[in-house]
Protein backbone atom coordinates (compact mmCIF):
# COMPACT_ATOMS: atom_id res chain seq x y z
CA MET A 1 -29.60 -28.96 -30.84
CA ASP A 2 -29.04 -27.91 -27.23
CA LYS A 3 -31.67 -28.42 -24.56
CA PRO A 4 -33.43 -25.25 -23.47
CA VAL A 5 -32.30 -23.96 -20.08
CA LEU A 6 -35.06 -24.31 -17.50
CA ARG A 7 -35.98 -21.54 -15.07
CA ALA A 8 -35.20 -22.23 -11.42
CA ASP A 9 -38.85 -22.97 -10.54
CA ALA A 10 -39.17 -25.31 -13.53
CA ARG A 11 -36.00 -27.16 -12.46
CA ARG A 12 -37.39 -27.54 -8.94
CA ASN A 13 -40.73 -28.82 -10.26
CA ARG A 14 -38.96 -31.28 -12.56
CA ALA A 15 -36.88 -32.55 -9.64
CA LYS A 16 -40.05 -32.94 -7.50
CA VAL A 17 -41.74 -34.89 -10.28
CA LEU A 18 -38.71 -37.17 -10.73
CA ALA A 19 -38.51 -37.86 -6.97
CA ALA A 20 -42.24 -38.58 -6.73
CA ALA A 21 -42.14 -40.76 -9.84
CA GLU A 22 -39.16 -42.75 -8.54
CA GLU A 23 -41.07 -43.47 -5.34
CA ALA A 24 -44.30 -44.35 -7.15
CA PHE A 25 -42.70 -46.47 -9.90
CA ALA A 26 -40.63 -48.42 -7.37
CA VAL A 27 -43.84 -49.46 -5.61
CA ASP A 28 -46.43 -49.70 -8.39
CA GLY A 29 -44.40 -49.88 -11.61
CA LEU A 30 -45.99 -48.42 -14.72
CA ALA A 31 -49.48 -48.95 -13.28
CA VAL A 32 -49.29 -45.70 -11.30
CA PRO A 33 -51.33 -42.90 -12.94
CA LEU A 34 -49.55 -39.66 -13.83
CA ASP A 35 -52.13 -37.75 -11.79
CA GLU A 36 -51.00 -39.67 -8.70
CA ILE A 37 -47.37 -38.76 -9.40
CA ALA A 38 -48.40 -35.11 -9.74
CA ARG A 39 -50.24 -35.32 -6.40
CA ILE A 40 -47.22 -36.86 -4.65
CA ALA A 41 -44.96 -34.18 -6.17
CA GLY A 42 -47.32 -31.40 -5.13
CA VAL A 43 -47.68 -30.09 -8.67
CA GLY A 44 -50.44 -30.05 -11.24
CA ALA A 45 -50.80 -32.73 -13.90
CA GLY A 46 -49.99 -30.10 -16.53
CA THR A 47 -46.57 -29.60 -14.95
CA VAL A 48 -45.86 -33.31 -15.26
CA TYR A 49 -46.92 -33.35 -18.93
CA ARG A 50 -44.92 -30.20 -19.67
CA HIS A 51 -41.72 -31.94 -18.59
CA PHE A 52 -42.59 -35.48 -19.69
CA PRO A 53 -44.90 -36.03 -22.67
CA SER A 54 -45.78 -39.59 -21.61
CA LYS A 55 -45.60 -41.94 -18.67
CA GLU A 56 -42.95 -43.93 -20.52
CA ALA A 57 -40.80 -40.79 -20.93
CA LEU A 58 -41.09 -40.09 -17.20
CA PHE A 59 -40.32 -43.72 -16.38
CA GLN A 60 -37.23 -43.64 -18.58
CA ALA A 61 -36.08 -40.34 -17.03
CA VAL A 62 -36.40 -41.78 -13.52
CA VAL A 63 -34.34 -44.85 -14.36
CA LEU A 64 -31.73 -42.84 -16.27
CA ASP A 65 -31.40 -40.44 -13.34
CA ARG A 66 -30.75 -43.31 -10.92
CA VAL A 67 -28.25 -45.03 -13.24
CA GLU A 68 -26.42 -41.71 -13.58
CA GLN A 69 -26.39 -41.37 -9.76
CA PHE A 70 -24.81 -44.82 -9.48
CA ALA A 71 -22.17 -43.83 -12.03
CA GLN A 72 -21.39 -40.67 -10.06
CA GLU A 73 -21.14 -42.66 -6.81
CA ALA A 74 -18.62 -44.99 -8.47
CA ARG A 75 -16.58 -42.03 -9.74
CA ASP A 76 -16.61 -40.48 -6.26
CA LEU A 77 -15.27 -43.72 -4.77
CA LEU A 78 -12.26 -43.74 -7.09
CA THR A 79 -10.35 -41.73 -4.51
CA ALA A 80 -11.35 -43.85 -1.51
CA GLU A 81 -8.50 -44.89 0.77
CA ASP A 82 -9.36 -48.61 0.55
CA PRO A 83 -10.12 -49.48 -3.10
CA GLY A 84 -11.31 -53.00 -2.26
CA GLU A 85 -13.84 -52.00 0.35
CA ALA A 86 -14.98 -49.09 -1.84
CA PHE A 87 -15.66 -51.54 -4.65
CA PHE A 88 -17.46 -54.09 -2.46
CA ASP A 89 -19.54 -51.42 -0.70
CA PHE A 90 -20.56 -49.99 -4.09
CA PHE A 91 -21.44 -53.45 -5.43
CA LYS A 92 -23.64 -54.19 -2.38
CA ARG A 93 -25.31 -50.77 -2.48
CA VAL A 94 -26.17 -51.04 -6.18
CA VAL A 95 -27.68 -54.50 -5.68
CA GLN A 96 -29.60 -53.52 -2.53
CA GLN A 97 -31.05 -50.32 -4.00
CA ALA A 98 -31.78 -51.66 -7.46
CA SER A 99 -33.34 -54.90 -6.23
CA ARG A 100 -36.21 -52.85 -4.80
CA ASN A 101 -36.99 -51.35 -8.21
CA ARG A 102 -37.91 -53.52 -11.20
CA ALA A 103 -37.20 -50.77 -13.72
CA LEU A 104 -33.74 -50.25 -12.35
CA CYS A 105 -33.07 -54.00 -12.36
CA ASP A 106 -33.99 -54.14 -16.01
CA ALA A 107 -31.92 -51.09 -16.92
CA LEU A 108 -28.82 -52.38 -15.15
CA ALA A 109 -29.26 -55.79 -16.75
CA GLU A 110 -29.99 -54.10 -20.10
CA THR A 111 -33.03 -56.26 -20.68
CA THR A 112 -35.53 -53.46 -20.94
CA GLY A 113 -37.09 -52.62 -24.27
CA LEU A 114 -37.68 -48.96 -23.49
CA GLY A 115 -34.67 -47.77 -25.49
CA PHE A 116 -32.66 -46.29 -22.63
CA LYS A 117 -29.96 -43.85 -23.62
CA VAL A 118 -26.70 -45.60 -24.25
CA SER A 119 -24.70 -42.83 -22.54
CA ALA A 120 -26.12 -43.54 -19.07
CA GLY A 121 -25.33 -47.22 -19.37
CA ASN A 122 -21.88 -46.45 -20.75
CA ASP A 123 -21.17 -44.03 -17.89
CA PHE A 124 -22.22 -46.65 -15.35
CA ARG A 125 -20.13 -49.35 -17.02
CA ALA A 126 -17.06 -47.12 -17.30
CA ALA A 127 -17.26 -45.90 -13.70
CA SER A 128 -17.88 -49.35 -12.22
CA GLN A 129 -15.09 -50.79 -14.41
CA ALA A 130 -12.69 -48.11 -13.12
CA LEU A 131 -13.66 -48.98 -9.54
CA LEU A 132 -13.12 -52.68 -10.30
CA THR A 133 -9.74 -52.05 -11.94
CA ARG A 134 -8.56 -49.98 -8.97
CA ALA A 135 -9.65 -52.72 -6.52
CA GLN A 136 -7.87 -55.33 -8.64
CA ALA A 137 -4.68 -53.25 -8.70
CA ALA A 138 -4.84 -53.10 -4.89
CA GLY A 139 -5.07 -56.92 -4.79
CA ALA A 140 -8.57 -56.99 -3.31
CA VAL A 141 -10.51 -58.40 -6.28
CA ARG A 142 -9.72 -61.38 -8.49
CA GLU A 143 -7.97 -60.42 -11.71
CA ASP A 144 -9.97 -62.78 -13.92
CA ILE A 145 -13.09 -60.57 -13.69
CA ASP A 146 -13.72 -57.84 -16.25
CA GLY A 147 -16.43 -55.22 -16.75
CA ASP A 148 -18.70 -57.59 -18.67
CA ASP A 149 -18.40 -60.15 -15.89
CA LEU A 150 -19.17 -57.45 -13.34
CA ARG A 151 -22.34 -56.42 -15.20
CA ALA A 152 -23.44 -60.06 -15.41
CA LEU A 153 -22.75 -60.55 -11.69
CA ILE A 154 -24.79 -57.47 -10.81
CA ALA A 155 -27.68 -58.70 -12.97
CA GLY A 156 -27.45 -62.15 -11.38
CA CYS A 157 -27.38 -60.71 -7.87
CA LEU A 158 -30.40 -58.55 -8.68
CA ALA A 159 -32.32 -61.64 -9.73
CA ALA A 160 -31.14 -63.51 -6.63
CA GLU A 161 -32.21 -60.65 -4.36
CA ARG A 162 -35.67 -60.52 -5.92
CA TYR A 163 -36.27 -64.24 -5.59
CA SER A 164 -34.34 -65.23 -2.44
CA LEU A 165 -35.70 -65.73 1.03
CA GLU A 166 -35.36 -63.17 3.79
CA GLU A 167 -31.75 -63.96 4.73
CA ARG A 168 -30.38 -62.63 1.44
CA HIS A 169 -26.96 -64.18 1.86
CA LEU A 170 -26.40 -64.84 -1.84
CA VAL A 171 -24.87 -61.42 -2.53
CA ARG A 172 -22.38 -62.00 0.30
CA ILE A 173 -21.43 -65.33 -1.30
CA VAL A 174 -20.84 -63.64 -4.67
CA ILE A 175 -18.76 -60.93 -3.01
CA ASP A 176 -16.69 -63.55 -1.19
CA GLY A 177 -16.10 -65.21 -4.58
CA LEU A 178 -14.85 -61.93 -6.04
CA ARG A 179 -12.26 -61.42 -3.32
CA THR A 180 -8.72 -62.60 -3.91
CA PHE A 181 -7.48 -65.40 -1.71
CA HIS A 182 -5.21 -62.92 0.11
CA SER A 183 -8.02 -60.44 0.81
CA THR A 184 -10.34 -63.26 1.96
CA CYS A 185 -7.72 -64.46 4.46
CA THR A 186 -7.15 -60.90 5.67
CA LEU A 187 -10.90 -60.39 6.08
CA ARG A 188 -11.22 -63.64 8.07
CA ASN A 189 -8.32 -62.64 10.33
CA LYS A 190 -10.03 -59.29 11.12
CA LYS A 191 -13.12 -61.07 12.48
């Protein structure tokens, strides 16, 4: 069964609610009341409930939306001039943005019990794998890393970011470990 097409004003309100919820959930997690999300979005509580029958449904929609944005970013980078730097920039951006949001950390690590749609995770995995494969073909990333390793490394970096001290150098160390010997020497020579 196809989803009903939303009117333009309903689409705008839904987008406002998702943006407000992303902001609120990132700070307060599931403890934030739906009325507060409605206030931040500038809509009535009824509007929130019309689009999302529960706080959990809204929470899931926010996380799915962000995972889908990451997948789209990875697909957009598939045409970048420097495949290695595109891959490493994407890796750093995902870790930096997701480390600020517990729900996103859990979704990317697939440890959440909220039953996230498989398609969003599959899209993210496929797009990040394509970015990895392209960087490997260019000789920028070690060839003994696959998509499962990449997902595990992202999950590990997310944990490291959440629990490390202010310097946050651990992601840089992981990235240096992903580089091929040739690309590491080239990077050192550029400095």
